[in-house]
Structures are given as structure tokens and as C-alpha cells.
Protein backbone atom coordinates (compact mmCIF):
# COMPACT_ATOMS: atom_id res chain seq x y z
CA MET A 1 -18.78 14.21 -27.13
CA ARG A 2 -16.03 14.49 -30.02
CA VAL A 3 -14.52 11.08 -31.28
CA ALA A 4 -11.32 11.66 -33.59
CA GLY A 5 -9.32 8.24 -34.82
CA ARG A 6 -5.93 7.97 -33.84
CA SER A 7 28.46 -9.57 0.36
CA THR A 8 29.85 -11.02 3.74
CA ALA A 9 31.05 -9.96 7.34
CA PRO A 10 34.46 -10.18 8.80
CA GLU A 11 34.91 -13.09 11.52
CA GLY A 12 36.33 -12.42 14.82
CA ARG A 13 39.01 -13.83 16.61
CA HIS A 14 36.30 -16.41 18.61
CA ALA A 15 34.36 -17.26 15.90
CA GLU A 16 35.92 -20.98 15.64
CA ARG A 17 34.37 -21.36 19.55
CA ALA A 18 31.25 -23.20 18.35
CA PRO A 19 29.25 -23.93 15.32
CA VAL A 20 27.50 -20.73 13.64
CA PRO A 21 23.28 -21.68 13.14
CA ARG A 22 23.87 -21.62 9.17
CA LEU A 23 21.04 -20.83 6.73
CA ALA A 24 20.03 -24.02 4.70
CA ASP A 25 22.82 -24.50 1.78
CA HIS A 26 19.88 -25.03 -1.36
CA THR A 27 19.08 -21.75 -0.17
CA GLY A 28 22.29 -20.05 -1.52
CA LEU A 29 21.75 -17.05 1.14
CA ASP A 30 23.99 -16.01 3.72
CA ALA A 31 23.32 -14.03 6.83
CA ASP A 32 23.94 -10.98 4.96
CA GLN A 33 21.09 -11.31 3.12
CA LEU A 34 18.45 -11.40 5.70
CA PRO A 35 16.67 -8.28 5.54
CA ASP A 36 16.39 -8.61 9.57
CA GLY A 37 19.18 -8.41 12.04
CA LEU A 38 20.54 -11.42 13.19
CA VAL A 39 23.21 -11.70 16.12
CA VAL A 40 24.41 -14.99 17.40
CA ALA A 41 26.26 -15.84 20.30
CA ASP A 42 28.25 -19.29 21.14
CA GLU A 43 28.33 -20.94 24.44
CA SER A 44 30.50 -18.66 26.22
CA GLY A 45 27.97 -15.67 25.37
CA ARG A 46 30.71 -13.84 23.06
CA VAL A 47 29.45 -12.64 19.32
CA VAL A 48 30.40 -15.06 16.40
CA ARG A 49 27.59 -13.68 13.75
CA PHE A 50 26.97 -9.89 12.80
CA ASN A 51 25.03 -9.66 9.73
CA ALA A 52 24.73 -6.19 7.52
CA ALA A 53 21.39 -5.54 8.83
CA ALA A 54 22.53 -5.37 12.53
CA GLU A 55 24.88 -3.16 11.51
CA ARG A 56 22.41 -1.23 10.02
CA ILE A 57 20.23 -1.27 12.70
CA THR A 58 22.39 -1.01 15.42
CA ALA A 59 25.41 1.47 13.51
CA VAL A 60 27.89 -0.88 15.01
CA ARG A 61 30.22 -2.18 12.69
CA ALA A 62 30.49 -6.11 12.33
CA ALA A 63 34.06 -5.94 12.94
CA ASP A 64 33.70 -4.24 16.57
CA ALA A 65 30.66 -6.59 17.66
CA LEU A 66 32.90 -10.08 16.72
CA GLY A 67 34.22 -11.93 19.33
CA GLN A 68 32.63 -9.36 22.12
CA PRO A 69 30.81 -10.24 24.94
CA LEU A 70 26.99 -10.48 23.89
CA GLU A 71 26.04 -7.40 26.57
CA LYS A 72 28.93 -5.01 24.81
CA ALA A 73 28.14 -5.57 21.35
CA LEU A 74 24.49 -5.60 22.23
CA PRO A 75 23.94 -3.33 25.10
CA LEU A 76 20.26 -3.32 25.13
CA GLU A 77 17.74 -2.08 27.62
CA ASP A 78 13.82 -2.29 28.42
CA LEU A 79 12.17 0.67 28.60
CA GLU A 80 12.46 1.22 32.15
CA GLY A 81 16.02 1.53 31.90
CA ARG A 82 17.39 -2.26 33.36
CA ARG A 83 20.16 -3.79 31.55
CA TRP A 84 18.01 -6.47 29.25
CA TRP A 85 20.99 -9.48 29.37
CA GLN A 86 21.38 -9.09 33.06
CA LEU A 87 17.39 -9.12 33.69
CA THR A 88 16.98 -12.14 31.36
CA ASP A 89 20.18 -14.03 31.88
CA PRO A 90 19.85 -16.12 28.77
CA TYR A 91 22.56 -18.60 29.89
CA GLY A 92 22.11 -18.66 33.55
CA GLY A 93 18.40 -18.58 33.93
CA LEU A 94 15.46 -21.30 33.58
CA ALA A 95 16.57 -24.20 31.04
CA ILE A 96 13.04 -24.93 30.25
CA ARG A 97 13.29 -21.71 27.74
CA THR A 98 13.33 -22.14 24.22
CA ARG A 99 13.08 -18.26 23.41
CA GLN A 100 12.34 -14.59 23.99
CA PRO A 101 8.92 -13.37 22.72
CA GLU A 102 9.74 -10.42 20.16
CA ARG A 103 9.47 -6.80 22.35
CA ASN A 104 10.52 -3.51 22.16
CA LEU A 105 13.78 -2.72 23.83
CA LEU A 106 16.38 0.40 23.40
CA LEU A 107 19.66 0.92 21.61
CA PRO A 108 22.25 3.58 23.28
CA GLY A 109 21.02 6.72 22.29
CA GLY A 110 17.08 5.56 22.92
CA ARG A 111 16.18 4.04 19.53
CA GLU A 112 13.93 1.63 19.59
CA VAL A 113 14.19 -2.09 18.24
CA LEU A 114 12.28 -5.28 18.25
CA VAL A 115 14.14 -7.96 19.68
CA SER A 116 13.41 -11.92 20.10
CA ALA A 117 15.84 -14.57 20.86
CA ARG A 118 16.17 -18.14 20.67
CA PHE A 119 17.84 -20.34 22.98
CA VAL A 120 19.95 -23.34 20.96
CA ARG A 121 20.69 -26.52 23.38
CA ASP A 122 21.94 -29.67 22.22
CA GLU A 123 19.13 -31.60 24.39
CA PRO A 124 16.03 -30.56 26.39
CA LEU A 125 17.55 -28.84 29.31
CA GLY A 126 21.01 -28.74 28.76
CA PRO A 127 23.12 -25.75 28.39
CA VAL A 128 22.45 -22.87 25.58
CA ARG A 129 25.33 -23.77 23.21
CA SER A 130 24.14 -20.83 21.14
CA LEU A 131 22.00 -17.64 21.51
CA VAL A 132 20.23 -16.61 18.30
CA VAL A 133 18.89 -12.73 18.06
CA ALA A 134 16.67 -11.17 15.55
CA LEU A 135 16.61 -7.38 15.29
CA ARG A 136 14.12 -5.41 13.63
CA ASP A 137 13.68 -1.84 13.04
CA THR A 138 10.61 -0.12 14.64
CA GLU A 139 10.42 2.32 12.19
CA ALA A 140 8.45 0.38 8.89
CA ARG A 141 5.94 -0.77 12.06
CA ARG A 142 5.29 2.85 13.38
CA ARG A 143 4.77 4.14 9.84
CA THR A 144 2.07 1.17 9.72
CA GLU A 145 0.17 2.00 13.14
CA ARG A 146 0.34 6.05 12.09
CA SER A 147 -1.16 4.97 8.36
CA HIS A 148 -3.98 2.55 10.46
CA ALA A 149 -4.36 5.47 12.80
CA GLU A 150 -5.00 8.08 10.08
CA LEU A 151 -7.35 5.57 7.94
CA ILE A 152 -9.54 5.04 10.96
CA ALA A 153 -9.84 9.02 11.89
CA THR A 154 -10.80 9.81 7.97
CA VAL A 155 -13.67 6.60 7.87
CA ALA A 156 -15.20 8.39 10.97
CA HIS A 157 -14.98 12.00 9.67
CA GLU A 158 -16.41 10.74 6.23
CA LEU A 159 -19.23 8.48 8.28
CA ARG A 160 -20.27 10.96 10.57
CA SER A 161 -21.87 14.08 8.45
CA PRO A 162 -23.99 11.42 5.85
CA LEU A 163 -24.92 9.34 9.22
CA THR A 164 -26.14 12.82 11.06
CA SER A 165 -28.11 13.47 8.22
CA VAL A 166 -29.26 10.03 7.66
CA LYS A 167 -30.34 9.93 11.18
CA GLY A 168 -31.98 13.63 11.11
CA PHE A 169 -33.86 13.28 8.44
CA THR A 170 -35.47 9.76 9.53
CA ALA A 171 -36.12 11.01 13.02
CA THR A 172 -38.01 14.43 11.40
CA LEU A 173 -39.92 12.26 9.03
CA LEU A 174 -41.14 9.65 11.58
CA ALA A 175 -41.84 12.48 14.55
CA LYS A 176 -43.85 14.77 12.17
CA TRP A 177 -44.70 13.04 9.00
CA GLU A 178 -47.95 14.69 8.60
CA ARG A 179 -46.66 18.30 8.93
CA PHE A 180 -44.79 18.05 5.41
CA THR A 181 -45.96 18.30 2.07
CA ASP A 182 -45.21 15.33 -0.58
CA ASP A 183 -42.24 17.90 -2.19
CA GLN A 184 -40.28 18.51 1.12
CA LYS A 185 -41.08 14.49 1.72
CA ARG A 186 -39.15 13.71 -1.02
CA LEU A 187 -36.35 15.87 -1.03
CA MET A 188 -35.74 14.42 2.38
CA LEU A 189 -35.80 11.44 1.14
CA GLU A 190 -33.70 12.47 -1.82
CA THR A 191 -31.04 13.40 0.81
CA VAL A 192 -31.32 10.36 2.88
CA ASP A 193 -30.86 7.80 -0.28
CA ALA A 194 -27.69 10.11 -1.42
CA ASP A 195 -26.02 10.02 1.74
CA ALA A 196 -26.65 6.10 1.89
CA ASP A 197 -25.22 6.06 -1.27
CA ARG A 198 -22.06 7.85 0.26
CA VAL A 199 -21.66 5.56 3.01
CA THR A 200 -22.01 2.75 0.67
CA ARG A 201 -18.99 4.11 -1.62
CA LEU A 202 -16.86 4.29 1.75
CA ILE A 203 -17.26 1.20 2.58
CA ALA A 204 -16.72 -0.05 -0.85
CA GLU A 205 -13.34 1.77 -0.81
CA LEU A 206 -12.54 0.38 2.41
CA LEU A 207 -12.97 -3.53 1.00
CA ASP A 208 -10.50 -2.74 -1.96
CA ILE A 209 -8.10 -1.10 0.48
CA SER A 210 -8.28 -4.26 2.23
CA ARG A 211 -8.16 -6.55 -0.31
CA ILE A 212 -5.11 -4.46 -2.29
CA ASP A 213 -2.53 -4.69 0.71
CA SER A 214 -3.34 -8.37 1.32
CA GLY A 215 -2.98 -9.24 -2.29
CA ARG A 216 -6.28 -10.29 -2.14
CA LEU A 217 -7.91 -8.53 -5.24
CA GLU A 218 -10.31 -10.86 -7.26
CA LEU A 219 -10.53 -10.37 -11.01
CA ARG A 220 -13.05 -11.61 -13.05
CA ARG A 221 -11.80 -11.33 -16.66
CA GLN A 222 -13.83 -10.60 -19.68
CA PRO A 223 -13.54 -9.17 -22.77
CA VAL A 224 -13.87 -5.53 -22.51
CA ASP A 225 -14.59 -3.29 -24.91
CA ILE A 226 -12.25 -0.32 -23.52
CA GLY A 227 -13.76 2.58 -26.08
CA ALA A 228 -17.24 1.57 -25.56
CA ALA A 229 -16.71 1.70 -21.60
CA VAL A 230 -15.19 5.55 -22.01
CA GLY A 231 -18.09 6.07 -24.15
CA ARG A 232 -20.79 5.31 -21.65
CA HIS A 233 -18.84 7.03 -18.78
CA ILE A 234 -19.05 10.22 -21.52
CA GLN A 235 -22.70 9.67 -21.54
CA ALA A 236 -23.50 9.73 -18.21
CA TYR A 237 -21.73 13.17 -17.40
CA VAL A 238 -23.70 14.39 -20.48
CA ALA A 239 -26.90 13.33 -19.21
CA ALA A 240 -26.22 15.17 -15.70
CA GLY A 241 -25.30 18.18 -17.31
CA GLN A 242 -21.72 18.57 -18.33
CA ARG A 243 -21.61 19.68 -22.16
CA ALA A 244 -20.84 17.46 -24.88
CA ASP A 245 -18.14 19.40 -26.10
CA ARG A 246 -15.95 19.01 -23.21
CA PHE A 247 -15.26 15.65 -23.57
CA LEU A 248 -12.72 14.49 -26.18
CA LEU A 249 -12.45 11.05 -27.27
CA ARG A 250 -9.36 9.58 -29.59
CA LEU A 251 -9.66 6.21 -30.35
CA GLU A 252 -7.22 4.46 -32.27
CA GLN A 253 -7.82 0.99 -33.67
CA PRO A 254 -7.35 -1.67 -34.24
CA LEU A 255 -6.71 -2.25 -30.60
CA PRO A 256 -5.63 -5.53 -29.14
CA ALA A 257 -8.10 -8.05 -26.96
CA LEU A 258 -8.50 -6.99 -23.75
CA TRP A 259 -9.53 -9.50 -21.04
CA ALA A 260 -10.00 -7.43 -18.00
CA ASP A 261 -12.49 -7.41 -15.12
CA PRO A 262 -15.22 -5.06 -16.86
CA ASP A 263 -16.11 -3.99 -12.59
CA LYS A 264 -12.60 -2.76 -11.80
CA ILE A 265 -12.08 -1.05 -15.28
CA ASP A 266 -14.93 1.17 -14.68
CA GLN A 267 -13.90 1.64 -11.07
CA VAL A 268 -10.39 3.23 -12.67
CA LEU A 269 -12.39 5.00 -15.53
CA SER A 270 -14.56 6.77 -13.14
CA ASN A 271 -12.71 8.08 -10.81
CA LEU A 272 -10.26 9.60 -13.44
CA LEU A 273 -12.80 10.88 -15.70
CA GLU A 274 -14.25 12.42 -12.08
CA ASN A 275 -10.89 13.78 -11.09
CA ALA A 276 -10.64 15.41 -14.43
CA VAL A 277 -14.06 17.02 -14.67
CA ARG A 278 -14.31 18.47 -10.83
CA HIS A 279 -10.65 19.37 -10.64
CA GLY A 280 -9.68 20.04 -14.03
CA GLU A 281 -10.38 22.68 -16.51
CA GLY A 282 -11.34 23.24 -20.29
CA THR A 283 -11.74 20.19 -22.61
CA VAL A 284 -11.27 16.43 -20.71
CA THR A 285 -9.12 14.43 -23.59
CA ILE A 286 -9.44 10.80 -23.46
CA ASP A 287 -6.80 8.89 -25.37
CA VAL A 288 -7.23 5.12 -26.21
CA THR A 289 -4.26 3.64 -27.96
CA PRO A 290 -2.23 0.42 -28.64
CA THR A 291 0.73 0.11 -26.96
CA ALA A 292 3.49 -1.99 -28.78
CA SER A 293 6.86 -3.63 -27.88
CA PRO A 294 9.92 -1.16 -28.92
CA ARG A 295 12.01 -4.77 -29.95
CA GLU A 296 8.84 -7.09 -31.73
CA GLY A 297 6.76 -4.14 -32.61
CA GLU A 298 3.86 -6.28 -32.07
CA GLU A 299 1.31 -5.00 -29.64
CA THR A 300 1.32 -5.48 -26.12
CA GLY A 301 -1.52 -3.87 -24.42
CA THR A 302 -3.79 -1.04 -24.20
CA SER A 303 -2.89 2.41 -22.93
CA VAL A 304 -5.81 4.84 -21.67
CA THR A 305 -4.80 8.67 -21.29
CA VAL A 306 -7.11 11.12 -19.31
CA SER A 307 -6.15 14.60 -19.75
CA ASP A 308 -7.43 18.21 -18.87
CA GLU A 309 -6.47 22.15 -19.50
CA GLY A 310 -6.68 22.74 -15.75
CA PRO A 311 -3.82 23.96 -13.43
CA GLY A 312 -2.42 20.26 -12.95
CA ILE A 313 -0.70 18.84 -9.86
CA PRO A 314 2.54 20.75 -8.33
CA GLU A 315 5.41 19.24 -9.35
CA GLU A 316 6.54 18.23 -5.93
CA SER A 317 2.96 16.17 -5.10
CA MET A 318 3.42 14.11 -8.36
CA ASN A 319 5.14 11.35 -6.25
CA ARG A 320 2.53 11.18 -3.56
CA VAL A 321 -0.25 10.73 -6.07
CA PHE A 322 -1.04 7.51 -5.81
CA THR A 323 -0.45 7.20 -1.73
CA ARG A 324 -3.08 7.27 0.59
CA PHE A 325 -5.24 10.16 1.83
CA TRP A 326 -3.27 12.24 -0.90
CA ARG A 327 -5.38 15.29 -1.76
CA GLY A 328 -5.11 18.20 -3.86
CA SER A 329 -5.33 21.95 -3.13
CA LYS A 330 -9.50 21.50 -3.88
CA ARG A 331 -9.67 17.89 -3.23
CA GLY A 332 -12.70 16.66 -0.91
CA GLY A 333 -13.41 13.29 -0.27
CA THR A 334 -11.31 10.51 1.46
CA GLY A 335 -8.14 10.73 -0.82
CA LEU A 336 -8.50 6.99 -1.21
CA GLY A 337 -9.48 6.99 -4.97
CA LEU A 338 -6.38 6.95 -6.76
CA TYR A 339 -4.61 4.60 -4.53
CA ILE A 340 -7.40 2.30 -5.07
CA VAL A 341 -6.77 2.82 -9.10
CA LYS A 342 -3.10 1.79 -8.95
CA GLY A 343 -4.16 -1.20 -6.94
CA ILE A 344 -6.51 -2.15 -9.30
CA VAL A 345 -3.95 -1.35 -12.58
CA GLU A 346 -1.13 -3.47 -10.92
CA ALA A 347 -3.63 -6.15 -9.87
CA HIS A 348 -4.32 -6.96 -13.73
CA GLY A 349 -0.29 -6.42 -14.65
CA GLY A 350 -0.71 -2.66 -15.53
CA THR A 351 1.24 0.31 -14.90
CA ILE A 352 -0.17 4.00 -14.12
CA THR A 353 1.68 7.14 -14.26
CA VAL A 354 0.90 11.07 -13.58
CA GLY A 355 2.53 14.06 -15.39
CA ARG A 356 1.66 17.16 -16.88
CA ALA A 357 -0.90 17.56 -19.89
CA ALA A 358 0.10 19.09 -23.63
CA GLY A 359 -2.56 21.91 -21.92
CA GLY A 360 -0.77 22.37 -19.19
CA GLY A 361 -3.31 19.97 -16.89
CA ALA A 362 -3.33 16.86 -15.48
CA GLU A 363 -2.58 13.94 -17.30
CA PHE A 364 -3.03 10.19 -16.22
CA ARG A 365 -2.16 7.45 -18.22
CA PHE A 366 -2.77 3.21 -17.29
CA THR A 367 -1.60 0.71 -19.70
CA LEU A 368 -3.34 -2.90 -19.37
CA PRO A 369 -1.63 -5.51 -20.85
CA VAL A 370 -2.96 -8.05 -23.69
CA ALA A 371 -4.33 -10.93 -21.90
CA ALA A 372 -6.30 -14.06 -23.44
CA PRO A 373 -8.46 -16.63 -22.02
CA ALA A 374 -5.83 -18.93 -21.38
CA TYR A 375 -4.39 -16.96 -19.10
CA LEU A 376 -7.44 -16.83 -17.06
CA ALA A 377 -7.31 -18.88 -13.61
């Protein structure tokens, strides 16, 4: 190892028929600022509110919908082709109803949308004074479902191989223990041990993803010597057979105090160095430098850059590197590592980027902000 220094919708003509449900005044929001579609019909069933999100989801202009009967402005059908408003009869149906639970319905042209409704009455069992309809696009839900299905398929595939190996070797040893030499037994047990480690790593990755996605990734901040942490990883690679001169650590001193979760930072360094060693070529260079505010010139954090001299990452793939399941042309594994790295860095309040190194290979750079014990929770 070498170390070197260094807006609002227009009102229709029937808008005055009934009071329109409004957001609480103290929020300072109006219906057009809602992320979901909102359609409100008065006691006669005519539309008095059609927000911007409803325009986007239905492709109907608010000016064309306001004042129209609800079934004309929002012609929904169920998945069997039946007209939804005639089927549910919101104004003439049972008076005990207070809402319609969310369900998939079809807009003209066959586009699916998630619809729920609320019946507003002046008194229990009284007539419907207004009908509040919420609309949600199904595309985001479909993407989530596809992502979950892909995650399950990937995990099942990655678990099958090591578990098959573990089961095969253990069953063979139990059935024919006396037939094998000590060296043969050791080889089989070492294979079982390695495959068990592989399963453990996969389970740890899944737990990390769950915590990152739910915002529950816990950090146990302590003082971290980032230069020493990088040095330990390099020494481990050298001990495993890599050439010492393949690594160049350039450490610029002094560095600001870094309070971070040492285990999580080790996880980030391990992943980035493994990518450089396995998928890159030539010298792996690690630059550790302080970062400064461009205005005040004071130190604001620490940056770590890992670069190699390999073929690098294609330009068209740069924006997908930190997504789930991304794999380069020569990559194996689950494709979850860089997604987890990004989640860990961002949980520390930092940033991570990918680009092309001066030597032509991949360059990953993450920056962690200065933190102090006073910020710890």
C-alpha cells in the first residue's frame, strides 16, 4: 500500500350550490396543492371542485368538469365494464353509508385509477350534502409491486444455490462420514461455512433495505478515524493475496472530526473497495480529503473517493448505479450493495456520486458532514 499526503382551478357556474369542503385554513394549502386527485360534487351531484391532480390523472380540464354531473365529468367503470356511479348510487343508496373504500376502477380508454369516496351528511342518516372523491394513479403502486416481485425472485435465486450446497454437503457427511479423509471433510465443511456466510450476508442486506425504505436505519455515532478504516480494508485485501502496490491511499491532513456509525462506514468502504478490486483494473486509488464551505472556507465534512483504472461504467448506466438490482455487464450478486451504500451515506446526512476517474475507470465519491457529540440522539 502506498500512502501519499494530500396555482388555483376556475370555478363553474354551479359552484355556489353548496359549501365546498376546504382544507384547514391554518395549513395555507388549497386543493390544487394536494398530491392526489380531489373531486367534490354538491348535493345535486354536480362537480364543484376538480383539482390540478384530478386534471392530471383523468386528462380532463377542470373548466370542462366543473358544473357537470359527476357521472359525466368522471365516467368511471368497474373492471367488468359496469358504470360505477349507477352501480353505487351515492345519493339514493343506503343512508347508513359514510364512504366507499378504495378500489381499482377504469377511466375512459381503459386506464386504471384508485378511487375512494366520502359521503358528507349534515346529520346521521340524512341526505348526502356533498360527495368527496379521491383519485390516485396506480402507476406508483405498480412500480412498487414490480419491485417487490423482483426482490422476491432475486432473493429466492440467491438463496437456492448456497442452501442446496449446504444441504448436499451436510447430508453427504452425515451419511458417509467414515468414507472421507480428514482433508475431504475439511474441504466440505469450509464450503458449508462459506455458503452459510453468503446466506447471512444476503439476510443482512434485506434487513438493511427494509430499514432504509422505512426510514428506520439506526446509527450509533462514534468518533471515526476514516483513514485508519480505509487502511484496515486495504490490509485485509493484501492479506488475502492482492498486491500491496495495487492500492494507493492519499490522505490529506488534518481532517475534521467525524462522528459516524463505524460499522456502517465499514460497510460502505467494503462495498466500494470490493467493486473497484473485482470489477476494475490497475491501481485502486483512495483519496480522503476535508471538504470546505465555498462561502466561509471552513471545514464542513470529509470526502472519500475510490477510483480505479478499468473500463468504468457506461454513461447511459450512470443514473441507475444506485438503484436496486443494478448490475454492470460483469457483475454478479444481488445488485443491492450500492443501493444500500447510498442509503447509509444519506442516513448520515451525506451524499454519494459516481463518475469517470481520470484513469478512465469508475469513480465513487461520498461526503460525510462534520458532526459532534451534541448532535447525537
